[in-house]
């Protein structure tokens, strides 16, 4: 069971990490869940019920856009069901950069406060 501290940390950065991954390439929900789990080394193993509200919020804020696409390469060339792909917008790219800057400052501040950074 995760500690409340771990849960709150994850909750605070989920929008940032989701936006950063989407900024690399257009992606769909399940693929995003896999990337979060793999690249997050298990720390960001999420359920769909956690991810999709974040995607909807990012879309409502104009930071990502969605579109339905079919990928004929998948499913052996048979007609697969379309997937909802997400891509970052210009505003989302700027927000992701801002989030990373804030994160770096936050990390440095926490390190200083906990005696691990330069004072």
C-alpha atoms as a PDB file:
ATOM      1  CA  UNK A   1       0.000   0.000   0.000  1.00  0.00           C
ATOM      2  CA  UNK A   2       1.303   3.422  -0.956  1.00  0.00           C
ATOM      3  CA  UNK A   3       1.886   6.017   1.685  1.00  0.00           C
ATOM      4  CA  UNK A   4      -0.198   9.159   1.661  1.00  0.00           C
ATOM      5  CA  UNK A   5       3.022  11.103   0.988  1.00  0.00           C
ATOM      6  CA  UNK A   6       3.703   9.087  -2.191  1.00  0.00           C
ATOM      7  CA  UNK A   7       0.113   9.475  -3.369  1.00  0.00           C
ATOM      8  CA  UNK A   8       0.203  13.244  -2.913  1.00  0.00           C
ATOM      9  CA  UNK A   9       3.526  13.585  -4.745  1.00  0.00           C
ATOM     10  CA  UNK A  10       2.201  11.605  -7.699  1.00  0.00           C
ATOM     11  CA  UNK A  11      -1.026  13.566  -7.744  1.00  0.00           C
ATOM     12  CA  UNK A  12       0.946  16.801  -7.910  1.00  0.00           C
ATOM     13  CA  UNK A  13       3.039  15.856 -10.949  1.00  0.00           C
ATOM     14  CA  UNK A  14       0.732  13.637 -13.023  1.00  0.00           C
ATOM     15  CA  UNK A  15      -0.402  16.408 -15.351  1.00  0.00           C
ATOM     16  CA  UNK A  16       3.218  17.374 -15.965  1.00  0.00           C
ATOM     17  CA  UNK A  17       4.467  13.862 -16.769  1.00  0.00           C
ATOM     18  CA  UNK A  18       1.443  13.071 -18.955  1.00  0.00           C
ATOM     19  CA  UNK A  19       1.954  16.308 -20.881  1.00  0.00           C
ATOM     20  CA  UNK A  20       5.687  15.614 -21.269  1.00  0.00           C
ATOM     21  CA  UNK A  21       5.072  12.141 -22.707  1.00  0.00           C
ATOM     22  CA  UNK A  22       2.412  13.401 -25.099  1.00  0.00           C
ATOM     23  CA  UNK A  23       4.828  16.121 -26.217  1.00  0.00           C
ATOM     24  CA  UNK A  24       7.129  13.403 -27.609  1.00  0.00           C
ATOM     25  CA  UNK A  25       4.560  11.896 -29.986  1.00  0.00           C
ATOM     26  CA  UNK A  26       0.843  11.498 -30.561  1.00  0.00           C
ATOM     27  CA  UNK A  27      -0.375   8.722 -28.314  1.00  0.00           C
ATOM     28  CA  UNK A  28      -3.562   7.014 -27.173  1.00  0.00           C
ATOM     29  CA  UNK A  29      -4.669   6.214 -23.629  1.00  0.00           C
ATOM     30  CA  UNK A  30      -3.551   2.603 -23.287  1.00  0.00           C
ATOM     31  CA  UNK A  31      -0.175   3.388 -24.858  1.00  0.00           C
ATOM     32  CA  UNK A  32       0.210   6.272 -22.421  1.00  0.00           C
ATOM     33  CA  UNK A  33      -0.582   3.989 -19.474  1.00  0.00           C
ATOM     34  CA  UNK A  34       2.106   1.565 -20.661  1.00  0.00           C
ATOM     35  CA  UNK A  35       4.690   4.340 -21.065  1.00  0.00           C
ATOM     36  CA  UNK A  36       3.949   5.750 -17.622  1.00  0.00           C
ATOM     37  CA  UNK A  37       4.360   2.314 -16.066  1.00  0.00           C
ATOM     38  CA  UNK A  38       7.510   1.406 -17.975  1.00  0.00           C
ATOM     39  CA  UNK A  39       9.365   4.701 -17.875  1.00  0.00           C
ATOM     40  CA  UNK A  40       8.137   5.463 -14.379  1.00  0.00           C
ATOM     41  CA  UNK A  41       9.617   2.131 -13.246  1.00  0.00           C
ATOM     42  CA  UNK A  42       6.326   1.162 -11.660  1.00  0.00           C
ATOM     43  CA  UNK A  43       5.973   4.406  -9.734  1.00  0.00           C
ATOM     44  CA  UNK A  44       3.327   5.672 -12.159  1.00  0.00           C
ATOM     45  CA  UNK A  45       1.306   2.504 -12.659  1.00  0.00           C
ATOM     46  CA  UNK A  46      -2.114   4.072 -13.122  1.00  0.00           C
ATOM     47  CA  UNK A  47      -5.604   2.859 -13.745  1.00  0.00           C
ATOM     48  CA  UNK A  48      -7.665   4.211 -16.613  1.00  0.00           C
ATOM     49  CA  UNK A  49      -9.940   5.882 -14.074  1.00  0.00           C
ATOM     50  CA  UNK A  50      -7.009   8.015 -12.967  1.00  0.00           C
ATOM     51  CA  UNK A  51      -5.571   8.820 -16.398  1.00  0.00           C
ATOM     52  CA  UNK A  52      -8.653   9.796 -18.381  1.00  0.00           C
ATOM     53  CA  UNK A  53      -9.813  12.637 -16.105  1.00  0.00           C
ATOM     54  CA  UNK A  54      -6.304  14.101 -16.454  1.00  0.00           C
ATOM     55  CA  UNK A  55      -6.500  13.823 -20.253  1.00  0.00           C
ATOM     56  CA  UNK A  56      -9.949  15.452 -20.269  1.00  0.00           C
ATOM     57  CA  UNK A  57      -8.702  18.282 -18.038  1.00  0.00           C
ATOM     58  CA  UNK A  58      -5.648  18.874 -20.257  1.00  0.00           C
ATOM     59  CA  UNK A  59      -7.924  18.903 -23.302  1.00  0.00           C
ATOM     60  CA  UNK A  60     -10.421  21.283 -21.663  1.00  0.00           C
ATOM     61  CA  UNK A  61      -7.500  23.599 -20.836  1.00  0.00           C
ATOM     62  CA  UNK A  62      -6.382  23.595 -24.485  1.00  0.00           C
ATOM     63  CA  UNK A  63      -3.054  21.895 -23.716  1.00  0.00           C
ATOM     64  CA  UNK A  64      -3.780  18.781 -25.801  1.00  0.00           C
ATOM     65  CA  UNK A  65      -6.149  17.895 -28.650  1.00  0.00           C
ATOM     66  CA  UNK A  66      -7.683  14.557 -29.454  1.00  0.00           C
ATOM     67  CA  UNK A  67      -8.658  12.873 -32.700  1.00  0.00           C
ATOM     68  CA  UNK A  68      -9.880   9.436 -33.672  1.00  0.00           C
ATOM     69  CA  UNK A  69      -7.551   7.401 -35.902  1.00  0.00           C
ATOM     70  CA  UNK A  70      -7.407   3.919 -37.325  1.00  0.00           C
ATOM     71  CA  UNK A  71      -4.035   2.221 -37.617  1.00  0.00           C
ATOM     72  CA  UNK A  72      -4.092  -0.385 -40.431  1.00  0.00           C
ATOM     73  CA  UNK A  73      -0.661  -1.664 -39.329  1.00  0.00           C
ATOM     74  CA  UNK A  74      -2.189  -3.013 -36.153  1.00  0.00           C
ATOM     75  CA  UNK A  75      -4.305  -6.106 -35.958  1.00  0.00           C
ATOM     76  CA  UNK A  76      -2.708  -7.824 -38.961  1.00  0.00           C
ATOM     77  CA  UNK A  77      -4.091  -5.356 -41.473  1.00  0.00           C
ATOM     78  CA  UNK A  78      -7.700  -6.092 -40.493  1.00  0.00           C
ATOM     79  CA  UNK A  79      -9.876  -3.116 -39.844  1.00  0.00           C
ATOM     80  CA  UNK A  80      -9.230  -2.321 -36.177  1.00  0.00           C
ATOM     81  CA  UNK A  81     -11.406  -0.160 -33.990  1.00  0.00           C
ATOM     82  CA  UNK A  82     -10.342   3.496 -34.054  1.00  0.00           C
ATOM     83  CA  UNK A  83      -8.324   4.853 -31.153  1.00  0.00           C
ATOM     84  CA  UNK A  84      -8.499   8.291 -29.617  1.00  0.00           C
ATOM     85  CA  UNK A  85      -5.063   9.853 -30.042  1.00  0.00           C
ATOM     86  CA  UNK A  86      -3.834  12.836 -28.070  1.00  0.00           C
ATOM     87  CA  UNK A  87      -1.359  15.412 -29.297  1.00  0.00           C
ATOM     88  CA  UNK A  88       0.122  18.437 -27.611  1.00  0.00           C
ATOM     89  CA  UNK A  89      -0.869  21.954 -28.657  1.00  0.00           C
ATOM     90  CA  UNK A  90       1.403  25.001 -28.784  1.00  0.00           C
ATOM     91  CA  UNK A  91      -0.055  26.103 -25.456  1.00  0.00           C
ATOM     92  CA  UNK A  92       0.637  22.625 -24.092  1.00  0.00           C
ATOM     93  CA  UNK A  93       4.275  22.778 -25.193  1.00  0.00           C
ATOM     94  CA  UNK A  94       4.694  26.093 -23.389  1.00  0.00           C
ATOM     95  CA  UNK A  95       2.946  24.710 -20.303  1.00  0.00           C
ATOM     96  CA  UNK A  96       5.155  21.592 -20.280  1.00  0.00           C
ATOM     97  CA  UNK A  97       8.246  23.793 -20.390  1.00  0.00           C
ATOM     98  CA  UNK A  98       6.872  25.962 -17.565  1.00  0.00           C
ATOM     99  CA  UNK A  99       6.036  22.852 -15.502  1.00  0.00           C
ATOM    100  CA  UNK A 100       9.579  21.495 -15.942  1.00  0.00           C
ATOM    101  CA  UNK A 101      11.075  24.841 -14.855  1.00  0.00           C
ATOM    102  CA  UNK A 102       8.837  24.921 -11.791  1.00  0.00           C
ATOM    103  CA  UNK A 103       9.742  21.307 -11.018  1.00  0.00           C
ATOM    104  CA  UNK A 104      13.483  22.060 -11.163  1.00  0.00           C
ATOM    105  CA  UNK A 105      13.079  25.027  -8.802  1.00  0.00           C
ATOM    106  CA  UNK A 106      10.892  22.947  -6.494  1.00  0.00           C
ATOM    107  CA  UNK A 107      13.414  20.096  -6.429  1.00  0.00           C
ATOM    108  CA  UNK A 108      16.275  22.488  -5.644  1.00  0.00           C
ATOM    109  CA  UNK A 109      14.272  24.109  -2.880  1.00  0.00           C
ATOM    110  CA  UNK A 110      13.356  20.774  -1.274  1.00  0.00           C
ATOM    111  CA  UNK A 111      16.995  19.665  -1.478  1.00  0.00           C
ATOM    112  CA  UNK A 112      18.114  22.850   0.277  1.00  0.00           C
ATOM    113  CA  UNK A 113      15.457  22.515   2.953  1.00  0.00           C
ATOM    114  CA  UNK A 114      16.380  18.894   3.595  1.00  0.00           C
ATOM    115  CA  UNK A 115      20.114  19.655   3.770  1.00  0.00           C
ATOM    116  CA  UNK A 116      21.113  18.049   0.491  1.00  0.00           C
ATOM    117  CA  UNK A 117      21.555  21.070  -1.747  1.00  0.00           C
ATOM    118  CA  UNK A 118      23.679  24.178  -1.704  1.00  0.00           C
ATOM    119  CA  UNK A 119      22.679  26.725   0.891  1.00  0.00           C
END
